[in-house]
């Protein structure tokens, strides 16, 4: 059984750059110090 989660949210144009960086893991600093970006390749979707 497959399914999708869809979120419909209004964003302002000035927020889109930050949202994209967050989703693509391109941020330089995160509030969680336990994030190991070198292991990102282990993430997968079922």
N, C-alpha and C. Protein backbone atom coordinates (compact mmCIF):
# COMPACT_ATOMS: atom_id res chain seq x y z
N UNK A 1 0.85 -1.18 0.00
CA UNK A 1 0.00 0.00 0.00
C UNK A 1 0.89 1.24 0.00
N UNK A 2 0.67 2.10 -0.94
CA UNK A 2 1.45 3.33 -1.00
C UNK A 2 0.57 4.52 -0.63
N UNK A 3 1.20 5.53 -0.14
CA UNK A 3 0.49 6.74 0.25
C UNK A 3 1.42 7.94 0.16
N UNK A 4 0.86 9.10 0.20
CA UNK A 4 1.65 10.33 0.17
C UNK A 4 1.11 11.29 1.21
N UNK A 5 2.01 12.09 1.73
CA UNK A 5 1.63 13.15 2.66
C UNK A 5 1.79 14.47 1.92
N UNK A 6 0.73 15.21 1.84
CA UNK A 6 0.74 16.48 1.12
C UNK A 6 0.38 17.59 2.09
N UNK A 7 1.21 18.62 2.10
CA UNK A 7 0.95 19.77 2.97
C UNK A 7 0.72 20.99 2.10
N UNK A 8 -0.38 21.63 2.29
CA UNK A 8 -0.69 22.87 1.57
C UNK A 8 -0.55 24.03 2.54
N UNK A 9 0.50 24.78 2.38
CA UNK A 9 0.77 25.90 3.25
C UNK A 9 1.14 27.11 2.39
N UNK A 10 0.67 28.26 2.78
CA UNK A 10 1.03 29.48 2.06
C UNK A 10 2.37 29.98 2.59
N UNK A 11 3.27 30.29 1.66
CA UNK A 11 4.56 30.84 2.02
C UNK A 11 4.73 32.17 1.31
N UNK A 12 5.41 33.07 1.96
CA UNK A 12 5.74 34.34 1.33
C UNK A 12 7.03 34.18 0.52
N UNK A 13 7.15 34.96 -0.50
CA UNK A 13 8.30 34.85 -1.41
C UNK A 13 9.63 34.98 -0.67
N UNK A 14 9.71 35.85 0.32
CA UNK A 14 10.98 36.06 1.02
C UNK A 14 11.37 34.87 1.91
N UNK A 15 10.43 33.97 2.20
CA UNK A 15 10.73 32.80 3.04
C UNK A 15 11.15 31.58 2.23
N UNK A 16 10.93 31.58 0.93
CA UNK A 16 11.16 30.39 0.12
C UNK A 16 12.62 29.96 0.08
N UNK A 17 13.54 30.91 0.07
CA UNK A 17 14.96 30.57 0.01
C UNK A 17 15.38 29.79 1.26
N UNK A 18 14.97 30.24 2.41
CA UNK A 18 15.30 29.55 3.66
C UNK A 18 14.64 28.19 3.77
N UNK A 19 13.42 28.08 3.29
CA UNK A 19 12.71 26.79 3.31
C UNK A 19 13.41 25.80 2.39
N UNK A 20 13.84 26.25 1.22
CA UNK A 20 14.55 25.38 0.29
C UNK A 20 15.86 24.88 0.90
N UNK A 21 16.63 25.80 1.49
CA UNK A 21 17.90 25.41 2.12
C UNK A 21 17.67 24.37 3.21
N UNK A 22 16.62 24.55 3.99
CA UNK A 22 16.31 23.61 5.06
C UNK A 22 15.96 22.24 4.49
N UNK A 23 15.09 22.20 3.50
CA UNK A 23 14.66 20.93 2.92
C UNK A 23 15.78 20.19 2.22
N UNK A 24 16.70 20.91 1.62
CA UNK A 24 17.81 20.29 0.89
C UNK A 24 19.05 20.09 1.77
N UNK A 25 18.94 20.37 3.06
CA UNK A 25 20.03 20.21 4.02
C UNK A 25 21.26 21.02 3.63
N UNK A 26 21.04 22.24 3.16
CA UNK A 26 22.16 23.10 2.75
C UNK A 26 22.48 24.16 3.80
N UNK A 27 21.81 24.14 4.93
CA UNK A 27 22.10 25.11 5.98
C UNK A 27 23.49 24.87 6.55
N UNK A 28 24.14 25.92 6.98
CA UNK A 28 25.46 25.81 7.60
C UNK A 28 25.33 25.45 9.07
N UNK A 29 24.36 26.04 9.76
CA UNK A 29 24.21 25.84 11.20
C UNK A 29 22.83 25.27 11.51
N UNK A 30 22.81 24.30 12.39
CA UNK A 30 21.56 23.72 12.88
C UNK A 30 21.54 23.83 14.39
N UNK A 31 20.36 23.91 14.95
CA UNK A 31 20.26 24.01 16.41
C UNK A 31 20.57 22.67 17.07
N UNK A 32 20.45 21.57 16.34
CA UNK A 32 20.76 20.25 16.86
C UNK A 32 22.20 19.92 16.50
N UNK A 33 23.07 19.81 17.49
CA UNK A 33 24.48 19.54 17.25
C UNK A 33 24.75 18.08 16.90
N UNK A 34 23.76 17.20 17.04
CA UNK A 34 23.96 15.78 16.78
C UNK A 34 23.80 15.40 15.31
N UNK A 35 23.54 16.35 14.44
CA UNK A 35 23.36 16.05 13.02
C UNK A 35 24.72 15.79 12.39
N UNK A 36 24.85 14.63 11.76
CA UNK A 36 26.07 14.27 11.05
C UNK A 36 25.76 14.28 9.56
N UNK A 37 26.13 15.36 8.87
CA UNK A 37 25.80 15.52 7.46
C UNK A 37 26.51 14.50 6.58
N UNK A 38 27.60 13.91 7.05
CA UNK A 38 28.32 12.92 6.26
C UNK A 38 27.52 11.63 6.09
N UNK A 39 26.51 11.41 6.91
CA UNK A 39 25.70 10.20 6.82
C UNK A 39 24.38 10.44 6.09
N UNK A 40 24.25 11.58 5.41
CA UNK A 40 23.01 11.90 4.71
C UNK A 40 22.68 10.88 3.64
N UNK A 41 23.69 10.28 3.05
CA UNK A 41 23.45 9.30 1.99
C UNK A 41 22.71 8.06 2.51
N UNK A 42 22.68 7.86 3.81
CA UNK A 42 21.97 6.71 4.39
C UNK A 42 20.48 6.94 4.49
N UNK A 43 20.02 8.17 4.30
CA UNK A 43 18.60 8.47 4.34
C UNK A 43 17.93 7.89 3.11
N UNK A 44 16.78 7.32 3.29
CA UNK A 44 16.05 6.76 2.16
C UNK A 44 14.56 6.85 2.42
N UNK A 45 13.79 6.76 1.38
CA UNK A 45 12.33 6.78 1.46
C UNK A 45 11.81 5.41 1.10
N UNK A 46 10.81 4.98 1.81
CA UNK A 46 10.18 3.69 1.50
C UNK A 46 9.06 3.88 0.54
